[in-house]
Amino acid sequence: MSTDTGYTWTNVAVLPGQPVSRLHFVNDQVGFAACGGYRRLLNNGVQLADSGAIYRTNNGGADWQLVHSSNLAGFSDVAFLNEDIGVATRSDGAMLRTSDGGDTWIPASVSISGNYVLTSVTFRPDGMGFASAYRQDGTEGLILIKGDDAGETWHEQFQHERLQSFTADLRPLFLR
């Protein structure tokens, strides 16, 4: 944690289980950590985590509380539209949504066929959401998923076999 805009850092918490995949802060005090994620292999395959969790802080990262866990797959990302509505992507292709600030998480509807790994998710201020994915077997490259109802339903918008390098983080592409 840094209190001087990143000049110095202090380790304040070690979250148990899988490593942290992504952090998302709703404001200067409330933030979420997605843990578990995935790892790309040299042969373009994927090694998925067998468990994961979502943690929340209400004091700028000094303390973290477990708000959701999975014994099926790890979480690759978490993003919030506002203080109440957020989504978390799981490495097995599932997406979970909260409408109460992270207290409860329920499955969102994702319309993509086949086995895929969700890697990143973000919201624009108007409520439009974007998520990236790729096939577990390494074929088809980038799959772009779009949701226009505050994260309740998601459908395939675009895919391209040569854009695998863009699956890591969508924020720079859609938050301009």
Protein backbone atom coordinates (compact mmCIF):
# COMPACT_ATOMS: atom_id res chain seq x y z
CA MET A 1 0.00 0.00 0.00
CA SER A 2 1.21 3.51 -0.76
CA THR A 3 0.13 6.71 0.94
CA ASP A 4 2.47 8.99 -1.03
CA THR A 5 1.26 8.42 -4.63
CA GLY A 6 3.55 5.44 -5.13
CA TYR A 7 6.87 6.84 -3.93
CA THR A 8 7.09 4.21 -1.17
CA TRP A 9 5.18 0.97 -0.61
CA THR A 10 4.28 -1.06 2.47
CA ASN A 11 3.03 -4.66 2.50
CA VAL A 12 -0.26 -4.50 4.44
CA ALA A 13 -1.97 -7.80 3.70
CA VAL A 14 -1.32 -11.24 2.33
CA LEU A 15 -4.47 -12.77 0.90
CA PRO A 16 -4.63 -16.54 1.40
CA GLY A 17 -4.92 -18.97 -1.51
CA GLN A 18 -4.21 -18.17 -5.14
CA PRO A 19 -2.28 -15.03 -6.18
CA VAL A 20 -4.05 -11.73 -6.90
CA SER A 21 -4.95 -11.42 -10.60
CA ARG A 22 -6.39 -7.89 -10.64
CA LEU A 23 -7.35 -5.05 -8.32
CA HIS A 24 -10.21 -2.61 -8.89
CA PHE A 25 -10.93 0.36 -6.64
CA VAL A 26 -14.41 1.88 -6.75
CA ASN A 27 -13.19 4.94 -4.82
CA ASP A 28 -10.24 5.77 -2.56
CA GLN A 29 -11.49 3.42 0.19
CA VAL A 30 -13.49 0.59 -1.44
CA GLY A 31 -11.61 -1.88 -3.59
CA PHE A 32 -11.80 -5.48 -4.79
CA ALA A 33 -9.16 -8.13 -5.50
CA ALA A 34 -9.74 -11.01 -7.92
CA CYS A 35 -7.58 -14.04 -7.05
CA GLY A 36 -6.81 -17.20 -8.99
CA GLY A 37 -6.61 -16.28 -12.64
CA TYR A 38 -4.87 -18.48 -15.19
CA ARG A 39 -1.47 -19.02 -16.79
CA ARG A 40 -0.66 -19.27 -20.50
CA LEU A 41 1.60 -22.20 -21.41
CA LEU A 42 4.39 -22.21 -23.99
CA ASN A 43 2.33 -24.30 -26.43
CA ASN A 44 -0.42 -21.63 -26.31
CA GLY A 45 -2.50 -23.77 -23.97
CA VAL A 46 -3.85 -22.69 -20.60
CA GLN A 47 -3.31 -23.84 -17.02
CA LEU A 48 -6.37 -22.91 -14.98
CA ALA A 49 -6.40 -22.37 -11.25
CA ASP A 50 -8.55 -24.86 -9.33
CA SER A 51 -9.88 -22.27 -6.89
CA GLY A 52 -10.21 -18.54 -6.45
CA ALA A 53 -11.72 -15.75 -4.41
CA ILE A 54 -12.86 -12.14 -4.39
CA TYR A 55 -11.78 -9.90 -1.53
CA ARG A 56 -13.03 -6.42 -0.57
CA THR A 57 -11.40 -3.59 1.33
CA ASN A 58 -13.33 -0.71 2.87
CA ASN A 59 -10.30 1.17 4.17
CA GLY A 60 -8.09 1.78 1.15
CA GLY A 61 -6.40 -1.63 1.22
CA ALA A 62 -5.27 -1.76 4.85
CA ASP A 63 -7.57 -4.76 5.53
CA TRP A 64 -9.26 -7.24 3.18
CA GLN A 65 -12.33 -9.46 3.74
CA LEU A 66 -13.32 -12.50 1.70
CA VAL A 67 -16.66 -11.80 -0.03
CA HIS A 68 -16.88 -14.75 -2.46
CA SER A 69 -14.92 -17.92 -3.17
CA SER A 70 -15.01 -20.72 -5.72
CA ASN A 71 -13.64 -24.23 -5.46
CA LEU A 72 -14.13 -24.64 -9.23
CA ALA A 73 -11.96 -21.96 -10.84
CA GLY A 74 -9.91 -18.84 -10.22
CA PHE A 75 -10.97 -15.25 -10.85
CA SER A 76 -9.13 -13.38 -13.60
CA ASP A 77 -10.59 -9.87 -13.16
CA VAL A 78 -13.13 -7.73 -11.34
CA ALA A 79 -14.63 -4.39 -12.40
CA PHE A 80 -17.35 -2.10 -11.07
CA LEU A 81 -19.70 0.24 -12.89
CA ASN A 82 -20.47 2.09 -9.65
CA GLU A 83 -20.34 1.35 -5.91
CA ASP A 84 -23.09 -1.29 -6.21
CA ILE A 85 -22.83 -2.97 -9.62
CA GLY A 86 -19.81 -5.07 -10.50
CA VAL A 87 -18.76 -8.22 -12.33
CA ALA A 88 -15.99 -10.75 -11.85
CA THR A 89 -14.63 -13.01 -14.58
CA ARG A 90 -13.66 -16.57 -13.80
CA SER A 91 -11.02 -18.50 -15.68
CA ASP A 92 -13.50 -21.26 -16.56
CA GLY A 93 -15.65 -18.85 -18.61
CA ALA A 94 -18.17 -17.97 -15.92
CA MET A 95 -18.97 -14.37 -15.07
CA LEU A 96 -20.51 -13.35 -11.75
CA ARG A 97 -22.38 -10.12 -11.03
CA THR A 98 -23.15 -8.20 -7.88
CA SER A 99 -25.71 -5.44 -7.46
CA ASP A 100 -25.15 -4.86 -3.74
CA GLY A 101 -21.54 -3.74 -3.59
CA GLY A 102 -20.06 -7.23 -3.49
CA ASP A 103 -22.08 -8.77 -0.67
CA THR A 104 -23.66 -11.36 -2.99
CA TRP A 105 -22.53 -12.66 -6.38
CA ILE A 106 -24.79 -14.44 -8.91
CA PRO A 107 -24.03 -15.79 -12.41
CA ALA A 108 -24.40 -13.37 -15.30
CA SER A 109 -25.60 -14.68 -18.66
CA VAL A 110 -22.69 -15.19 -21.09
CA SER A 111 -23.55 -16.31 -24.64
CA ILE A 112 -20.44 -17.90 -26.12
CA SER A 113 -20.19 -21.49 -27.26
CA GLY A 114 -17.29 -23.80 -26.47
CA ASN A 115 -14.63 -23.71 -23.78
CA TYR A 116 -12.99 -20.34 -23.24
CA VAL A 117 -11.07 -18.37 -20.62
CA LEU A 118 -12.30 -14.93 -19.58
CA THR A 119 -9.28 -12.66 -19.05
CA SER A 120 -10.40 -9.08 -18.53
CA VAL A 121 -13.50 -6.96 -17.96
CA THR A 122 -14.21 -3.24 -17.80
CA PHE A 123 -17.12 -0.80 -17.88
CA ARG A 124 -17.52 2.52 -19.63
CA PRO A 125 -19.25 5.27 -17.60
CA ASP A 126 -22.44 4.80 -19.70
CA GLY A 127 -22.84 1.20 -18.43
CA MET A 128 -21.52 -0.58 -21.51
CA GLY A 129 -19.23 -3.44 -20.50
CA PHE A 130 -16.51 -5.26 -22.40
CA ALA A 131 -14.76 -8.51 -21.59
CA SER A 132 -12.05 -10.44 -23.39
CA ALA A 133 -11.63 -14.17 -23.72
CA TYR A 134 -9.82 -16.82 -25.72
CA ARG A 135 -10.34 -20.53 -26.35
CA GLN A 136 -8.74 -22.91 -23.85
CA ASP A 137 -7.06 -24.82 -26.67
CA GLY A 138 -5.37 -21.63 -27.95
CA THR A 139 -7.36 -21.38 -31.20
CA GLU A 140 -9.31 -18.34 -32.46
CA GLY A 141 -7.30 -15.68 -30.58
CA LEU A 142 -9.18 -12.75 -29.07
CA ILE A 143 -12.90 -12.99 -28.36
CA LEU A 144 -14.52 -9.69 -27.40
CA ILE A 145 -17.70 -9.90 -25.34
CA LYS A 146 -20.07 -6.97 -24.85
CA GLY A 147 -22.76 -6.25 -22.31
CA ASP A 148 -25.05 -3.24 -22.51
CA ASP A 149 -27.30 -3.81 -19.48
CA ALA A 150 -24.94 -3.09 -16.55
CA GLY A 151 -23.39 -6.54 -16.71
CA GLU A 152 -26.46 -8.80 -16.55
CA THR A 153 -26.05 -10.37 -20.01
CA TRP A 154 -23.01 -10.68 -22.26
CA HIS A 155 -22.71 -11.75 -25.91
CA GLU A 156 -19.90 -12.23 -28.41
CA GLN A 157 -19.15 -9.05 -30.31
CA PHE A 158 -15.94 -9.87 -32.19
CA GLN A 159 -13.23 -12.48 -32.57
CA HIS A 160 -9.94 -12.59 -34.39
CA GLU A 161 -7.33 -15.36 -34.46
CA ARG A 162 -4.30 -13.01 -34.65
CA LEU A 163 -5.04 -10.70 -31.71
CA GLN A 164 -4.09 -12.89 -28.76
CA SER A 165 -1.81 -10.25 -27.26
CA PHE A 166 -4.77 -7.96 -26.51
CA THR A 167 -6.52 -10.37 -24.16
CA ALA A 168 -4.60 -9.21 -21.09
CA ASP A 169 -6.29 -5.89 -20.29
CA LEU A 170 -9.07 -4.01 -22.05
CA ARG A 171 -9.06 -0.82 -20.00
CA PRO A 172 -6.74 1.20 -22.27
CA LEU A 173 -8.87 0.32 -25.32
CA PHE A 174 -12.30 1.29 -24.01
CA LEU A 175 -11.88 3.93 -21.34
CA ARG A 176 -10.68 6.78 -23.50
